[in-house]
Amino acid sequence: MKKVKSVFRYVFASVLAISLIIYFVINTFSSTLFDKNYVLKVIDETGYYDKIYGYATSNFENYIIQSGLDKSVLEGIITREDIVNDTQKILTNIYSNIEETVNADSLKTKLHANIDTATQGMLVTEEQKASLNAFVDEVAKEYLNAIAHFDYEKEIFNACHKFSFVLDVTNKLVLIFAAVSLFGLMVTCGKRFYRLISFIGFSLFTTGLFFIIMNIFVNTKINIQTITILNEAFSFVIREILSAILGQIVGKGLLMFFGGFVLIFVSNLVHNYFKYQGVNEDKTDKPAYKSKKKRIKNRKKKDKNPKLLAEKNNNKITEKK
């Protein structure tokens, strides 16, 4: 029966450890990658808006050479504020599925006005007008591509929504499993509170060890700083978020690793202290201790060889007769 209980204790402790692993991974992703406010904070801290502004304006200049116009026509067609507003609209579309219109109408209007100013007094043929209109459309398209490939906004939202739903359901199931496993540990440990604390420490220790190993594995197999998605500015944001996720996971891992070790060590230390303190107290009362020791010794002898003791008693009875 003791062996069966011991097996169940390790099973419950393992289930608790797995539940903790899944729970902390889900909550880490929920508080970072799937949190709009967190993403906006990282975007602002990493200088994303300034990088996109520089990236977009430098790409505009590539079209100037083909158009034959002066670079001055590009001045003031976009501002940093435009990039901030459009980026926030895109994130709102992805995280909240609220239709926030993102277009380049303002850019087109400003660019047309600059071109009209630059070509004032010049004879512009219909063919040249068509070419200039195509130039404006290309610049507008380049701006939209610079801030995001929002042709995929709906697809990204649907994927995030489904994934968030799965995470939410999984999180609830994990909490149920954790509660059941904790209750199972309480039942199998009974009144031995130190043992319950020790197995909880074992679960925490195992969870922390898993996170530490996972962090080492990811860092050796994947170089986060080389990840490139869409453009360099967006890639930098993704790298920062992934680095933050790994940092949170390894931080929690170290905390649980040492916390679990302390629980195991302290619970067993306290248990052994009180256990052997009782033995030492018995030894201080020597007559009582010796009497008790003798009784235990005699009892063990009787328990070890009951048949031999019965035969001796029978022989004594026969000799008397």
C-alpha atoms as a PDB file:
ATOM      1  CA  MET A   1       0.000   0.000   0.000  1.00  0.00           C
ATOM      2  CA  LYS A   2       2.873   2.361   0.824  1.00  0.00           C
ATOM      3  CA  LYS A   3       4.479   1.715  -2.563  1.00  0.00           C
ATOM      4  CA  VAL A   4       1.196   2.401  -4.354  1.00  0.00           C
ATOM      5  CA  LYS A   5       0.792   5.697  -2.491  1.00  0.00           C
ATOM      6  CA  SER A   6       4.380   6.610  -3.302  1.00  0.00           C
ATOM      7  CA  VAL A   7       3.772   5.977  -7.027  1.00  0.00           C
ATOM      8  CA  PHE A   8       0.611   8.103  -6.938  1.00  0.00           C
ATOM      9  CA  ARG A   9       2.460  10.904  -5.199  1.00  0.00           C
ATOM     10  CA  TYR A  10       5.044  11.062  -7.980  1.00  0.00           C
ATOM     11  CA  VAL A  11       2.302  10.890 -10.626  1.00  0.00           C
ATOM     12  CA  PHE A  12       0.408  13.796  -9.029  1.00  0.00           C
ATOM     13  CA  ALA A  13       3.631  15.784  -8.620  1.00  0.00           C
ATOM     14  CA  SER A  14       4.495  15.218 -12.304  1.00  0.00           C
ATOM     15  CA  VAL A  15       1.015  16.301 -13.436  1.00  0.00           C
ATOM     16  CA  LEU A  16       1.354  19.415 -11.263  1.00  0.00           C
ATOM     17  CA  ALA A  17       4.736  20.188 -12.837  1.00  0.00           C
ATOM     18  CA  ILE A  18       3.361  19.806 -16.392  1.00  0.00           C
ATOM     19  CA  SER A  19       0.381  21.995 -15.473  1.00  0.00           C
ATOM     20  CA  LEU A  20       2.694  24.689 -14.117  1.00  0.00           C
ATOM     21  CA  ILE A  21       4.829  24.582 -17.278  1.00  0.00           C
ATOM     22  CA  ILE A  22       1.833  25.035 -19.588  1.00  0.00           C
ATOM     23  CA  TYR A  23       0.261  27.670 -17.334  1.00  0.00           C
ATOM     24  CA  PHE A  24       3.356  29.869 -17.203  1.00  0.00           C
ATOM     25  CA  VAL A  25       4.037  29.525 -20.956  1.00  0.00           C
ATOM     26  CA  ILE A  26       0.442  30.535 -21.798  1.00  0.00           C
ATOM     27  CA  ASN A  27       0.489  33.504 -19.429  1.00  0.00           C
ATOM     28  CA  THR A  28       3.860  34.669 -20.736  1.00  0.00           C
ATOM     29  CA  PHE A  29       2.592  34.736 -24.336  1.00  0.00           C
ATOM     30  CA  SER A  30      -0.738  36.280 -23.266  1.00  0.00           C
ATOM     31  CA  SER A  31       1.019  39.139 -21.476  1.00  0.00           C
ATOM     32  CA  THR A  32       3.442  39.853 -24.336  1.00  0.00           C
ATOM     33  CA  LEU A  33       2.759  38.840 -27.931  1.00  0.00           C
ATOM     34  CA  PHE A  34      -1.036  38.729 -27.533  1.00  0.00           C
ATOM     35  CA  ASP A  35      -1.293  41.963 -25.560  1.00  0.00           C
ATOM     36  CA  LYS A  36      -1.859  44.991 -27.803  1.00  0.00           C
ATOM     37  CA  ASN A  37      -0.711  47.505 -25.162  1.00  0.00           C
ATOM     38  CA  TYR A  38       2.520  45.591 -24.569  1.00  0.00           C
ATOM     39  CA  VAL A  39       3.259  45.441 -28.317  1.00  0.00           C
ATOM     40  CA  LEU A  40       2.600  49.188 -28.666  1.00  0.00           C
ATOM     41  CA  LYS A  41       4.943  49.834 -25.749  1.00  0.00           C
ATOM     42  CA  VAL A  42       7.735  47.775 -27.364  1.00  0.00           C
ATOM     43  CA  ILE A  43       7.144  49.488 -30.713  1.00  0.00           C
ATOM     44  CA  ASP A  44       7.542  52.891 -29.093  1.00  0.00           C
ATOM     45  CA  GLU A  45      10.602  51.906 -27.032  1.00  0.00           C
ATOM     46  CA  THR A  46      12.448  50.376 -29.996  1.00  0.00           C
ATOM     47  CA  GLY A  47      12.132  53.496 -32.166  1.00  0.00           C
ATOM     48  CA  TYR A  48       9.953  51.647 -34.672  1.00  0.00           C
ATOM     49  CA  TYR A  49       8.162  54.793 -35.923  1.00  0.00           C
ATOM     50  CA  ASP A  50      11.393  56.648 -36.674  1.00  0.00           C
ATOM     51  CA  LYS A  51      12.871  53.616 -38.429  1.00  0.00           C
ATOM     52  CA  ILE A  52       9.783  53.169 -40.601  1.00  0.00           C
ATOM     53  CA  TYR A  53       9.806  56.882 -41.426  1.00  0.00           C
ATOM     54  CA  GLY A  54      13.423  56.646 -42.596  1.00  0.00           C
ATOM     55  CA  TYR A  55      12.760  53.380 -44.429  1.00  0.00           C
ATOM     56  CA  ALA A  56       9.741  54.770 -46.291  1.00  0.00           C
ATOM     57  CA  THR A  57      11.338  58.095 -47.307  1.00  0.00           C
ATOM     58  CA  SER A  58      14.494  56.355 -48.556  1.00  0.00           C
ATOM     59  CA  ASN A  59      12.364  54.030 -50.717  1.00  0.00           C
ATOM     60  CA  PHE A  60      10.445  56.989 -52.138  1.00  0.00           C
ATOM     61  CA  GLU A  61      13.677  58.395 -53.491  1.00  0.00           C
ATOM     62  CA  ASN A  62      14.171  55.280 -55.629  1.00  0.00           C
ATOM     63  CA  TYR A  63      11.114  56.296 -57.676  1.00  0.00           C
ATOM     64  CA  ILE A  64      12.277  59.897 -58.099  1.00  0.00           C
ATOM     65  CA  ILE A  65      15.041  58.865 -60.500  1.00  0.00           C
ATOM     66  CA  GLN A  66      12.541  57.092 -62.753  1.00  0.00           C
ATOM     67  CA  SER A  67      10.077  60.007 -62.702  1.00  0.00           C
ATOM     68  CA  GLY A  68      12.622  62.698 -63.529  1.00  0.00           C
ATOM     69  CA  LEU A  69      11.216  64.975 -60.806  1.00  0.00           C
ATOM     70  CA  ASP A  70      13.149  66.829 -58.135  1.00  0.00           C
ATOM     71  CA  LYS A  71      13.418  65.332 -54.624  1.00  0.00           C
ATOM     72  CA  SER A  72      11.604  68.345 -53.240  1.00  0.00           C
ATOM     73  CA  VAL A  73       8.259  66.870 -54.354  1.00  0.00           C
ATOM     74  CA  LEU A  74       8.626  64.264 -51.570  1.00  0.00           C
ATOM     75  CA  GLU A  75       8.928  66.809 -48.776  1.00  0.00           C
ATOM     76  CA  GLY A  76       6.132  66.694 -46.218  1.00  0.00           C
ATOM     77  CA  ILE A  77       4.092  63.972 -47.901  1.00  0.00           C
ATOM     78  CA  ILE A  78       4.286  61.829 -44.737  1.00  0.00           C
ATOM     79  CA  THR A  79       5.015  62.629 -41.096  1.00  0.00           C
ATOM     80  CA  ARG A  80       5.969  60.575 -38.083  1.00  0.00           C
ATOM     81  CA  GLU A  81       2.463  61.194 -36.732  1.00  0.00           C
ATOM     82  CA  ASP A  82       0.975  59.554 -39.842  1.00  0.00           C
ATOM     83  CA  ILE A  83       3.041  56.424 -39.200  1.00  0.00           C
ATOM     84  CA  VAL A  84       2.049  56.350 -35.498  1.00  0.00           C
ATOM     85  CA  ASN A  85      -1.667  56.639 -36.300  1.00  0.00           C
ATOM     86  CA  ASP A  86      -1.627  54.106 -39.142  1.00  0.00           C
ATOM     87  CA  THR A  87       0.392  51.578 -37.117  1.00  0.00           C
ATOM     88  CA  GLN A  88      -2.062  51.808 -34.232  1.00  0.00           C
ATOM     89  CA  LYS A  89      -4.967  51.354 -36.657  1.00  0.00           C
ATOM     90  CA  ILE A  90      -3.362  48.204 -38.045  1.00  0.00           C
ATOM     91  CA  LEU A  91      -2.846  46.757 -34.560  1.00  0.00           C
ATOM     92  CA  THR A  92      -6.453  47.594 -33.677  1.00  0.00           C
ATOM     93  CA  ASN A  93      -7.583  45.693 -36.777  1.00  0.00           C
ATOM     94  CA  ILE A  94      -5.477  42.682 -35.776  1.00  0.00           C
ATOM     95  CA  TYR A  95      -6.177  42.522 -32.034  1.00  0.00           C
ATOM     96  CA  SER A  96      -9.739  43.867 -31.851  1.00  0.00           C
ATOM     97  CA  ASN A  97     -11.125  43.188 -35.350  1.00  0.00           C
ATOM     98  CA  ILE A  98     -12.360  46.783 -35.498  1.00  0.00           C
ATOM     99  CA  GLU A  99     -12.267  48.202 -39.009  1.00  0.00           C
ATOM    100  CA  GLU A 100      -9.828  51.110 -38.878  1.00  0.00           C
ATOM    101  CA  THR A 101      -9.275  52.447 -42.399  1.00  0.00           C
ATOM    102  CA  VAL A 102      -5.634  52.618 -43.390  1.00  0.00           C
ATOM    103  CA  ASN A 103      -4.958  54.323 -46.698  1.00  0.00           C
ATOM    104  CA  ALA A 104      -2.562  56.710 -48.390  1.00  0.00           C
ATOM    105  CA  ASP A 105      -5.106  59.293 -49.568  1.00  0.00           C
ATOM    106  CA  SER A 106      -3.443  62.083 -47.576  1.00  0.00           C
ATOM    107  CA  LEU A 107      -0.046  61.160 -49.043  1.00  0.00           C
ATOM    108  CA  LYS A 108      -1.464  61.195 -52.580  1.00  0.00           C
ATOM    109  CA  THR A 109      -3.073  64.603 -52.089  1.00  0.00           C
ATOM    110  CA  LYS A 110       0.157  66.144 -50.759  1.00  0.00           C
ATOM    111  CA  LEU A 111       2.274  64.528 -53.473  1.00  0.00           C
ATOM    112  CA  HIS A 112      -0.040  65.724 -56.257  1.00  0.00           C
ATOM    113  CA  ALA A 113       0.103  69.243 -54.803  1.00  0.00           C
ATOM    114  CA  ASN A 114       3.917  69.143 -54.704  1.00  0.00           C
ATOM    115  CA  ILE A 115       4.080  67.868 -58.297  1.00  0.00           C
ATOM    116  CA  ASP A 116       1.706  70.612 -59.479  1.00  0.00           C
ATOM    117  CA  THR A 117       3.937  73.188 -57.784  1.00  0.00           C
ATOM    118  CA  ALA A 118       7.086  71.659 -59.321  1.00  0.00           C
ATOM    119  CA  THR A 119       5.588  71.526 -62.859  1.00  0.00           C
ATOM    120  CA  GLN A 120       3.871  74.905 -62.717  1.00  0.00           C
ATOM    121  CA  GLY A 121       4.416  76.787 -65.958  1.00  0.00           C
ATOM    122  CA  MET A 122       5.550  73.630 -67.752  1.00  0.00           C
ATOM    123  CA  LEU A 123       3.688  71.930 -70.588  1.00  0.00           C
ATOM    124  CA  VAL A 124       2.655  68.474 -69.392  1.00  0.00           C
ATOM    125  CA  THR A 125       1.274  66.051 -71.960  1.00  0.00           C
ATOM    126  CA  GLU A 126      -1.429  63.489 -71.218  1.00  0.00           C
ATOM    127  CA  GLU A 127       1.148  60.732 -71.402  1.00  0.00           C
ATOM    128  CA  GLN A 128       3.295  62.529 -68.831  1.00  0.00           C
ATOM    129  CA  LYS A 129       0.239  63.046 -66.584  1.00  0.00           C
ATOM    130  CA  ALA A 130      -0.473  59.323 -66.713  1.00  0.00           C
ATOM    131  CA  SER A 131       3.161  58.633 -65.864  1.00  0.00           C
ATOM    132  CA  LEU A 132       3.015  61.069 -62.919  1.00  0.00           C
ATOM    133  CA  ASN A 133      -0.208  59.488 -61.658  1.00  0.00           C
ATOM    134  CA  ALA A 134       1.465  56.069 -61.820  1.00  0.00           C
ATOM    135  CA  PHE A 135       4.407  57.520 -59.880  1.00  0.00           C
ATOM    136  CA  VAL A 136       2.035  58.776 -57.142  1.00  0.00           C
ATOM    137  CA  ASP A 137       0.350  55.370 -56.957  1.00  0.00           C
ATOM    138  CA  GLU A 138       3.715  53.595 -56.625  1.00  0.00           C
ATOM    139  CA  VAL A 139       4.843  55.919 -53.835  1.00  0.00           C
ATOM    140  CA  ALA A 140       1.541  55.399 -51.993  1.00  0.00           C
ATOM    141  CA  LYS A 141       1.856  51.630 -52.414  1.00  0.00           C
ATOM    142  CA  GLU A 142       5.426  51.763 -51.107  1.00  0.00           C
ATOM    143  CA  TYR A 143       4.247  53.628 -47.996  1.00  0.00           C
ATOM    144  CA  LEU A 144       1.562  51.047 -47.237  1.00  0.00           C
ATOM    145  CA  ASN A 145       4.068  48.221 -47.693  1.00  0.00           C
ATOM    146  CA  ALA A 146       6.510  50.017 -45.404  1.00  0.00           C
ATOM    147  CA  ILE A 147       4.146  50.189 -42.423  1.00  0.00           C
ATOM    148  CA  ALA A 148       2.747  46.647 -42.869  1.00  0.00           C
ATOM    149  CA  HIS A 149       1.532  44.049 -45.340  1.00  0.00           C
ATOM    150  CA  PHE A 150      -2.035  44.661 -44.256  1.00  0.00           C
ATOM    151  CA  ASP A 151      -3.499  42.523 -47.024  1.00  0.00           C
ATOM    152  CA  TYR A 152      -3.099  39.821 -44.376  1.00  0.00           C
ATOM    153  CA  GLU A 153      -4.746  41.703 -41.490  1.00  0.00           C
ATOM    154  CA  LYS A 154      -7.870  39.548 -41.547  1.00  0.00           C
ATOM    155  CA  GLU A 155      -5.857  36.344 -41.755  1.00  0.00           C
ATOM    156  CA  ILE A 156      -3.627  37.449 -38.876  1.00  0.00           C
ATOM    157  CA  PHE A 157      -6.650  38.419 -36.768  1.00  0.00           C
ATOM    158  CA  ASN A 158      -8.387  35.087 -37.430  1.00  0.00           C
ATOM    159  CA  ALA A 159      -5.221  33.179 -36.520  1.00  0.00           C
ATOM    160  CA  CYS A 160      -4.716  35.249 -33.338  1.00  0.00           C
ATOM    161  CA  HIS A 161      -8.374  34.893 -32.370  1.00  0.00           C
ATOM    162  CA  LYS A 162      -8.325  31.107 -32.768  1.00  0.00           C
ATOM    163  CA  PHE A 163      -5.015  30.816 -30.956  1.00  0.00           C
ATOM    164  CA  SER A 164      -6.229  33.045 -28.112  1.00  0.00           C
ATOM    165  CA  PHE A 165      -9.363  30.887 -27.765  1.00  0.00           C
ATOM    166  CA  VAL A 166      -7.250  27.718 -27.606  1.00  0.00           C
ATOM    167  CA  LEU A 167      -4.951  29.317 -25.018  1.00  0.00           C
ATOM    168  CA  ASP A 168      -7.908  30.403 -22.880  1.00  0.00           C
ATOM    169  CA  VAL A 169      -9.501  26.928 -22.895  1.00  0.00           C
ATOM    170  CA  THR A 170      -6.138  25.247 -22.279  1.00  0.00           C
ATOM    171  CA  ASN A 171      -5.422  27.607 -19.392  1.00  0.00           C
ATOM    172  CA  LYS A 172      -8.697  26.678 -17.666  1.00  0.00           C
ATOM    173  CA  LEU A 173      -8.072  22.951 -18.162  1.00  0.00           C
ATOM    174  CA  VAL A 174      -4.548  23.297 -16.806  1.00  0.00           C
ATOM    175  CA  LEU A 175      -5.843  25.002 -13.651  1.00  0.00           C
ATOM    176  CA  ILE A 176      -8.292  22.128 -13.131  1.00  0.00           C
ATOM    177  CA  PHE A 177      -5.530  19.536 -13.549  1.00  0.00           C
ATOM    178  CA  ALA A 178      -3.291  21.484 -11.163  1.00  0.00           C
ATOM    179  CA  ALA A 179      -6.047  21.626  -8.531  1.00  0.00           C
ATOM    180  CA  VAL A 180      -6.790  17.888  -8.892  1.00  0.00           C
ATOM    181  CA  SER A 181      -3.114  16.939  -8.655  1.00  0.00           C
ATOM    182  CA  LEU A 182      -2.642  19.165  -5.594  1.00  0.00           C
ATOM    183  CA  PHE A 183      -5.664  17.565  -3.935  1.00  0.00           C
ATOM    184  CA  GLY A 184      -4.267  14.125  -4.812  1.00  0.00           C
ATOM    185  CA  LEU A 185      -0.988  15.017  -3.144  1.00  0.00           C
ATOM    186  CA  MET A 186      -2.806  16.156  -0.017  1.00  0.00           C
ATOM    187  CA  VAL A 187      -4.731  12.881   0.180  1.00  0.00           C
ATOM    188  CA  THR A 188      -1.743  10.598  -0.467  1.00  0.00           C
ATOM    189  CA  CYS A 189       0.524  12.521   1.900  1.00  0.00           C
ATOM    190  CA  GLY A 190      -2.051  12.443   4.685  1.00  0.00           C
ATOM    191  CA  LYS A 191      -0.994  14.065   7.923  1.00  0.00           C
ATOM    192  CA  ARG A 192       2.659  14.205   6.913  1.00  0.00           C
ATOM    193  CA  PHE A 193       2.689  17.875   5.978  1.00  0.00           C
ATOM    194  CA  TYR A 194       6.438  17.887   5.332  1.00  0.00           C
ATOM    195  CA  ARG A 195       5.942  15.314   2.587  1.00  0.00           C
ATOM    196  CA  LEU A 196       3.283  17.470   0.871  1.00  0.00           C
ATOM    197  CA  ILE A 197       5.620  20.474   0.928  1.00  0.00           C
ATOM    198  CA  SER A 198       8.457  18.316  -0.354  1.00  0.00           C
ATOM    199  CA  PHE A 199       6.450  17.089  -3.369  1.00  0.00           C
ATOM    200  CA  ILE A 200       5.233  20.587  -4.176  1.00  0.00           C
ATOM    201  CA  GLY A 201       8.888  21.604  -4.107  1.00  0.00           C
ATOM    202  CA  PHE A 202       9.640  18.688  -6.444  1.00  0.00           C
ATOM    203  CA  SER A 203       7.020  20.004  -8.918  1.00  0.00           C
ATOM    204  CA  LEU A 204       8.437  23.538  -8.778  1.00  0.00           C
ATOM    205  CA  PHE A 205      11.999  22.248  -9.113  1.00  0.00           C
ATOM    206  CA  THR A 206      11.075  20.150 -12.182  1.00  0.00           C
ATOM    207  CA  THR A 207       9.221  23.065 -13.793  1.00  0.00           C
ATOM    208  CA  GLY A 208      12.142  25.415 -13.260  1.00  0.00           C
ATOM    209  CA  LEU A 209      14.614  22.874 -14.598  1.00  0.00           C
ATOM    210  CA  PHE A 210      12.496  22.424 -17.741  1.00  0.00           C
ATOM    211  CA  PHE A 211      12.428  26.186 -18.401  1.00  0.00           C
ATOM    212  CA  ILE A 212      16.184  26.494 -17.907  1.00  0.00           C
ATOM    213  CA  ILE A 213      16.890  23.594 -20.302  1.00  0.00           C
ATOM    214  CA  MET A 214      14.404  24.990 -22.843  1.00  0.00           C
ATOM    215  CA  ASN A 215      16.096  28.400 -22.741  1.00  0.00           C
ATOM    216  CA  ILE A 216      19.512  26.821 -23.304  1.00  0.00           C
ATOM    217  CA  PHE A 217      18.142  24.718 -26.185  1.00  0.00           C
ATOM    218  CA  VAL A 218      16.478  27.692 -27.920  1.00  0.00           C
ATOM    219  CA  ASN A 219      19.565  29.886 -27.574  1.00  0.00           C
ATOM    220  CA  THR A 220      21.821  27.178 -29.004  1.00  0.00           C
ATOM    221  CA  LYS A 221      19.512  26.230 -31.896  1.00  0.00           C
ATOM    222  CA  ILE A 222      17.957  29.600 -32.842  1.00  0.00           C
ATOM    223  CA  ASN A 223      19.674  32.954 -33.192  1.00  0.00           C
ATOM    224  CA  ILE A 224      16.837  35.369 -32.441  1.00  0.00           C
ATOM    225  CA  GLN A 225      18.871  38.355 -33.634  1.00  0.00           C
ATOM    226  CA  THR A 226      18.871  37.007 -37.205  1.00  0.00           C
ATOM    227  CA  ILE A 227      15.078  36.665 -37.498  1.00  0.00           C
ATOM    228  CA  THR A 228      13.763  38.838 -40.348  1.00  0.00           C
ATOM    229  CA  ILE A 229      10.069  39.451 -41.037  1.00  0.00           C
ATOM    230  CA  LEU A 230       8.733  42.066 -43.518  1.00  0.00           C
ATOM    231  CA  ASN A 231      11.404  44.715 -42.883  1.00  0.00           C
ATOM    232  CA  GLU A 232      14.227  45.506 -40.485  1.00  0.00           C
ATOM    233  CA  ALA A 233      12.147  47.774 -38.225  1.00  0.00           C
ATOM    234  CA  PHE A 234       9.370  45.215 -37.819  1.00  0.00           C
ATOM    235  CA  SER A 235      11.927  42.418 -37.408  1.00  0.00           C
ATOM    236  CA  PHE A 236      13.602  44.377 -34.604  1.00  0.00           C
ATOM    237  CA  VAL A 237      10.289  44.623 -32.742  1.00  0.00           C
ATOM    238  CA  ILE A 238       9.679  40.866 -33.126  1.00  0.00           C
ATOM    239  CA  ARG A 239      13.192  40.108 -31.873  1.00  0.00           C
ATOM    240  CA  GLU A 240      12.654  42.305 -28.821  1.00  0.00           C
ATOM    241  CA  ILE A 241       9.344  40.596 -28.002  1.00  0.00           C
ATOM    242  CA  LEU A 242      10.805  37.088 -28.427  1.00  0.00           C
ATOM    243  CA  SER A 243      13.814  38.027 -26.299  1.00  0.00           C
ATOM    244  CA  ALA A 244      11.450  39.359 -23.617  1.00  0.00           C
ATOM    245  CA  ILE A 245       9.435  36.122 -23.710  1.00  0.00           C
ATOM    246  CA  LEU A 246      12.569  34.013 -23.266  1.00  0.00           C
ATOM    247  CA  GLY A 247      13.760  36.345 -20.526  1.00  0.00           C
ATOM    248  CA  GLN A 248      10.492  35.996 -18.608  1.00  0.00           C
ATOM    249  CA  ILE A 249      10.500  32.213 -19.018  1.00  0.00           C
ATOM    250  CA  VAL A 250      14.070  31.781 -17.795  1.00  0.00           C
ATOM    251  CA  GLY A 251      13.433  34.244 -14.945  1.00  0.00           C
ATOM    252  CA  LYS A 252      10.429  32.259 -13.757  1.00  0.00           C
ATOM    253  CA  GLY A 253      12.400  29.061 -14.325  1.00  0.00           C
ATOM    254  CA  LEU A 254      15.243  30.138 -12.055  1.00  0.00           C
ATOM    255  CA  LEU A 255      12.804  31.338  -9.398  1.00  0.00           C
ATOM    256  CA  MET A 256      10.914  28.023  -9.370  1.00  0.00           C
ATOM    257  CA  PHE A 257      14.119  25.977  -9.599  1.00  0.00           C
ATOM    258  CA  PHE A 258      15.631  27.502  -6.461  1.00  0.00           C
ATOM    259  CA  GLY A 259      12.251  27.863  -4.750  1.00  0.00           C
ATOM    260  CA  GLY A 260      11.535  24.160  -5.265  1.00  0.00           C
ATOM    261  CA  PHE A 261      14.985  23.213  -4.025  1.00  0.00           C
ATOM    262  CA  VAL A 262      14.482  25.282  -0.864  1.00  0.00           C
ATOM    263  CA  LEU A 263      11.082  23.693  -0.178  1.00  0.00           C
ATOM    264  CA  ILE A 264      12.500  20.174  -0.576  1.00  0.00           C
ATOM    265  CA  PHE A 265      15.551  20.909   1.561  1.00  0.00           C
ATOM    266  CA  VAL A 266      13.768  22.797   4.350  1.00  0.00           C
ATOM    267  CA  SER A 267      10.824  20.368   4.646  1.00  0.00           C
ATOM    268  CA  ASN A 268      13.134  17.372   4.968  1.00  0.00           C
ATOM    269  CA  LEU A 269      15.495  19.242   7.296  1.00  0.00           C
ATOM    270  CA  VAL A 270      12.667  20.183   9.664  1.00  0.00           C
ATOM    271  CA  HIS A 271      11.229  16.661   9.535  1.00  0.00           C
ATOM    272  CA  ASN A 272      14.578  15.024  10.347  1.00  0.00           C
ATOM    273  CA  TYR A 273      15.231  17.548  13.110  1.00  0.00           C
ATOM    274  CA  PHE A 274      12.035  16.716  14.980  1.00  0.00           C
ATOM    275  CA  LYS A 275      12.414  13.005  14.224  1.00  0.00           C
ATOM    276  CA  TYR A 276      15.903  12.654  15.703  1.00  0.00           C
ATOM    277  CA  GLN A 277      15.199  15.138  18.471  1.00  0.00           C
ATOM    278  CA  GLY A 278      12.624  12.682  19.797  1.00  0.00           C
ATOM    279  CA  VAL A 279      15.196   9.880  19.794  1.00  0.00           C
ATOM    280  CA  ASN A 280      17.742  12.036  21.629  1.00  0.00           C
ATOM    281  CA  GLU A 281      15.191  12.973  24.267  1.00  0.00           C
ATOM    282  CA  ASP A 282      14.565   9.267  24.913  1.00  0.00           C
ATOM    283  CA  LYS A 283      18.306   8.715  25.319  1.00  0.00           C
ATOM    284  CA  THR A 284      18.561  11.373  28.055  1.00  0.00           C
ATOM    285  CA  ASP A 285      16.281   9.236  30.257  1.00  0.00           C
ATOM    286  CA  LYS A 286      18.633   6.226  30.234  1.00  0.00           C
ATOM    287  CA  PRO A 287      16.654   3.689  32.327  1.00  0.00           C
ATOM    288  CA  ALA A 288      13.450   4.338  30.389  1.00  0.00           C
ATOM    289  CA  TYR A 289      15.361   4.354  27.124  1.00  0.00           C
ATOM    290  CA  LYS A 290      17.132   1.072  27.894  1.00  0.00           C
ATOM    291  CA  SER A 291      13.887  -0.554  29.027  1.00  0.00           C
ATOM    292  CA  LYS A 292      12.162   0.584  25.872  1.00  0.00           C
ATOM    293  CA  LYS A 293      15.068  -0.596  23.737  1.00  0.00           C
ATOM    294  CA  LYS A 294      15.039  -3.999  25.426  1.00  0.00           C
ATOM    295  CA  ARG A 295      11.315  -4.427  24.912  1.00  0.00           C
ATOM    296  CA  ILE A 296      11.653  -3.578  21.228  1.00  0.00           C
ATOM    297  CA  LYS A 297      14.557  -6.016  20.870  1.00  0.00           C
ATOM    298  CA  ASN A 298      12.649  -8.877  22.519  1.00  0.00           C
ATOM    299  CA  ARG A 299       9.594  -8.152  20.427  1.00  0.00           C
ATOM    300  CA  LYS A 300      11.669  -8.299  17.254  1.00  0.00           C
ATOM    301  CA  LYS A 301      13.120 -11.647  18.288  1.00  0.00           C
ATOM    302  CA  LYS A 302       9.664 -13.070  18.883  1.00  0.00           C
ATOM    303  CA  ASP A 303       8.433 -11.695  15.567  1.00  0.00           C
ATOM    304  CA  LYS A 304      11.430 -13.075  13.695  1.00  0.00           C
ATOM    305  CA  ASN A 305      11.099 -16.698  14.873  1.00  0.00           C
ATOM    306  CA  PRO A 306       7.654 -17.473  16.302  1.00  0.00           C
ATOM    307  CA  LYS A 307       7.844 -21.178  15.305  1.00  0.00           C
ATOM    308  CA  LEU A 308      11.085 -21.725  17.177  1.00  0.00           C
ATOM    309  CA  LEU A 309       9.598 -20.119  20.296  1.00  0.00           C
ATOM    310  CA  ALA A 310       6.532 -22.379  20.107  1.00  0.00           C
ATOM    311  CA  GLU A 311       8.712 -25.500  19.787  1.00  0.00           C
ATOM    312  CA  LYS A 312      10.718 -24.515  22.891  1.00  0.00           C
ATOM    313  CA  ASN A 313       7.541 -24.045  24.902  1.00  0.00           C
ATOM    314  CA  ASN A 314       6.248 -27.462  23.778  1.00  0.00           C
ATOM    315  CA  ASN A 315       9.548 -29.090  24.805  1.00  0.00           C
ATOM    316  CA  LYS A 316       9.372 -27.529  28.259  1.00  0.00           C
ATOM    317  CA  ILE A 317       5.807 -28.822  28.764  1.00  0.00           C
ATOM    318  CA  THR A 318       6.854 -32.324  27.651  1.00  0.00           C
ATOM    319  CA  GLU A 319       9.857 -32.407  30.049  1.00  0.00           C
ATOM    320  CA  LYS A 320       7.656 -31.399  33.008  1.00  0.00           C
ATOM    321  CA  LYS A 321       5.277 -34.228  32.276  1.00  0.00           C
END
